[in-house]
Protein backbone atom coordinates (compact mmCIF):
# COMPACT_ATOMS: atom_id res chain seq x y z
CA MET A 1 102.23 92.83 91.38
CA VAL A 2 101.68 93.53 87.73
CA ASN A 3 97.96 93.92 87.16
CA SER A 4 97.74 95.86 83.94
CA ILE A 5 99.44 93.38 81.61
CA LEU A 6 96.20 91.44 81.14
CA SER A 7 92.67 92.21 82.16
CA GLN A 8 91.05 90.01 84.79
CA GLN A 9 88.75 88.58 82.12
CA CYS A 10 91.73 87.60 79.94
CA LYS A 11 93.45 85.96 82.91
CA GLU A 12 90.31 83.97 83.71
CA THR A 13 89.96 82.90 80.08
CA LEU A 14 93.57 81.74 79.90
CA GLU A 15 93.24 79.91 83.20
CA SER A 16 90.08 78.22 81.91
CA VAL A 17 91.86 77.06 78.75
CA GLN A 18 94.75 75.77 80.85
CA ARG A 19 92.30 73.87 83.09
CA SER A 20 90.58 72.32 80.06
CA ILE A 21 93.80 71.23 78.41
CA THR A 22 95.20 69.67 81.56
CA HIS A 23 91.85 67.94 82.15
CA ILE A 24 92.17 66.26 78.73
CA ILE A 25 95.60 64.94 79.71
CA PHE A 26 94.79 63.88 83.30
CA ALA A 27 91.00 63.63 83.66
CA ASP A 28 91.01 61.89 87.04
CA LEU A 29 93.20 64.40 88.93
CA SER A 30 92.44 67.76 90.52
CA TYR A 31 93.64 70.91 88.79
CA ASP A 32 96.37 71.54 91.38
CA ASP A 33 97.65 67.98 91.00
CA ARG A 34 97.66 68.31 87.21
CA ARG A 35 99.64 71.56 87.45
CA CYS A 36 102.20 69.94 89.76
CA ILE A 37 102.68 66.90 87.52
CA LEU A 38 102.98 69.02 84.37
CA VAL A 39 105.07 71.69 86.15
CA ILE A 40 102.74 74.51 85.11
CA PRO A 41 102.88 77.62 87.30
CA VAL A 42 99.87 79.62 88.42
CA LEU A 43 99.06 82.14 85.69
CA ASN A 44 99.70 85.23 87.87
CA ASP A 45 103.08 83.85 88.94
CA PHE A 46 104.01 83.12 85.34
CA ILE A 47 103.05 86.63 84.19
CA PHE A 48 104.98 88.22 87.05
CA SER A 49 108.15 86.18 86.45
CA SER A 50 108.03 86.84 82.69
CA CYS A 51 107.65 90.58 83.27
CA GLN A 52 110.41 90.58 85.88
CA THR A 53 112.76 88.85 83.43
CA HIS A 54 111.90 91.40 80.73
CA PHE A 55 112.42 94.32 83.13
CA ASP A 56 115.80 92.91 84.21
CA LYS A 57 116.87 92.73 80.55
CA ILE A 58 115.90 96.36 80.02
CA VAL A 59 117.81 97.48 83.14
CA THR A 60 121.03 95.70 82.14
CA ASP A 61 121.00 96.70 78.45
CA HIS A 62 121.91 100.40 78.09
CA THR A 63 121.13 100.26 74.36
CA HIS A 64 117.56 99.06 74.89
CA PRO A 65 115.02 101.61 73.59
CA LEU A 66 113.16 101.63 76.91
CA PHE A 67 116.25 102.05 79.09
CA SER A 68 115.86 105.84 79.11
CA ARG A 69 112.43 105.47 80.81
CA ILE A 70 114.02 103.98 83.93
CA ILE A 71 114.87 106.58 86.58
CA MET A 72 117.60 105.69 89.06
CA ASN A 73 117.11 106.73 92.69
CA ASN A 74 120.10 108.98 93.41
CA TYR A 75 118.59 110.80 96.37
CA LYS A 76 120.25 109.69 99.60
CA THR A 77 117.72 111.51 101.79
CA SER A 78 114.73 110.02 100.03
CA THR A 79 112.20 107.99 101.98
CA ARG A 80 112.84 105.39 99.32
CA ALA A 81 116.60 105.41 99.89
CA ALA A 82 116.71 101.63 99.95
CA THR A 83 115.20 101.40 96.45
CA THR A 84 117.30 101.27 93.31
CA PHE A 85 114.77 102.90 91.01
CA ARG A 86 112.49 105.87 91.41
CA PRO A 87 108.93 105.58 90.09
CA GLU A 88 107.66 107.97 87.46
CA LYS A 89 105.13 110.56 88.50
CA ALA A 90 101.71 109.42 87.36
CA ARG A 91 98.88 111.84 86.81
CA THR A 92 96.24 109.14 86.35
CA GLN A 93 95.45 105.77 87.91
CA ASN A 94 95.94 103.98 84.58
CA ARG A 95 99.37 105.52 84.15
CA ALA A 96 100.36 104.33 87.62
CA LYS A 97 99.61 100.73 86.60
CA ILE A 98 101.91 100.57 83.59
CA PHE A 99 104.70 98.02 83.25
CA PHE A 100 107.52 100.21 84.61
CA SER A 101 105.60 101.52 87.60
CA SER A 102 104.69 97.99 88.58
CA PHE A 103 108.32 96.87 88.78
CA ILE A 104 109.92 100.02 90.13
């Protein structure tokens, strides 16, 4: 799951705004019911699907500036032989949480 796109505080703030706005529209319903009626996904699901779509665009476009950062897994004897991509080596915890590492 992509955790480093937004901080937890930013996610909570956005979720709070979303709750408030949907409450204005449907004051007598629960938050889950309001989301279902308005077809609004859970914030974490929305962030993940948006990032997945962006990553898929990068992978399929060889002219994309970030395409060179993606490492293909060509090792047949690797323990990750079933994976398509190989993660970058990360020297720090913050580096391990970047966009590419989260999706590879």
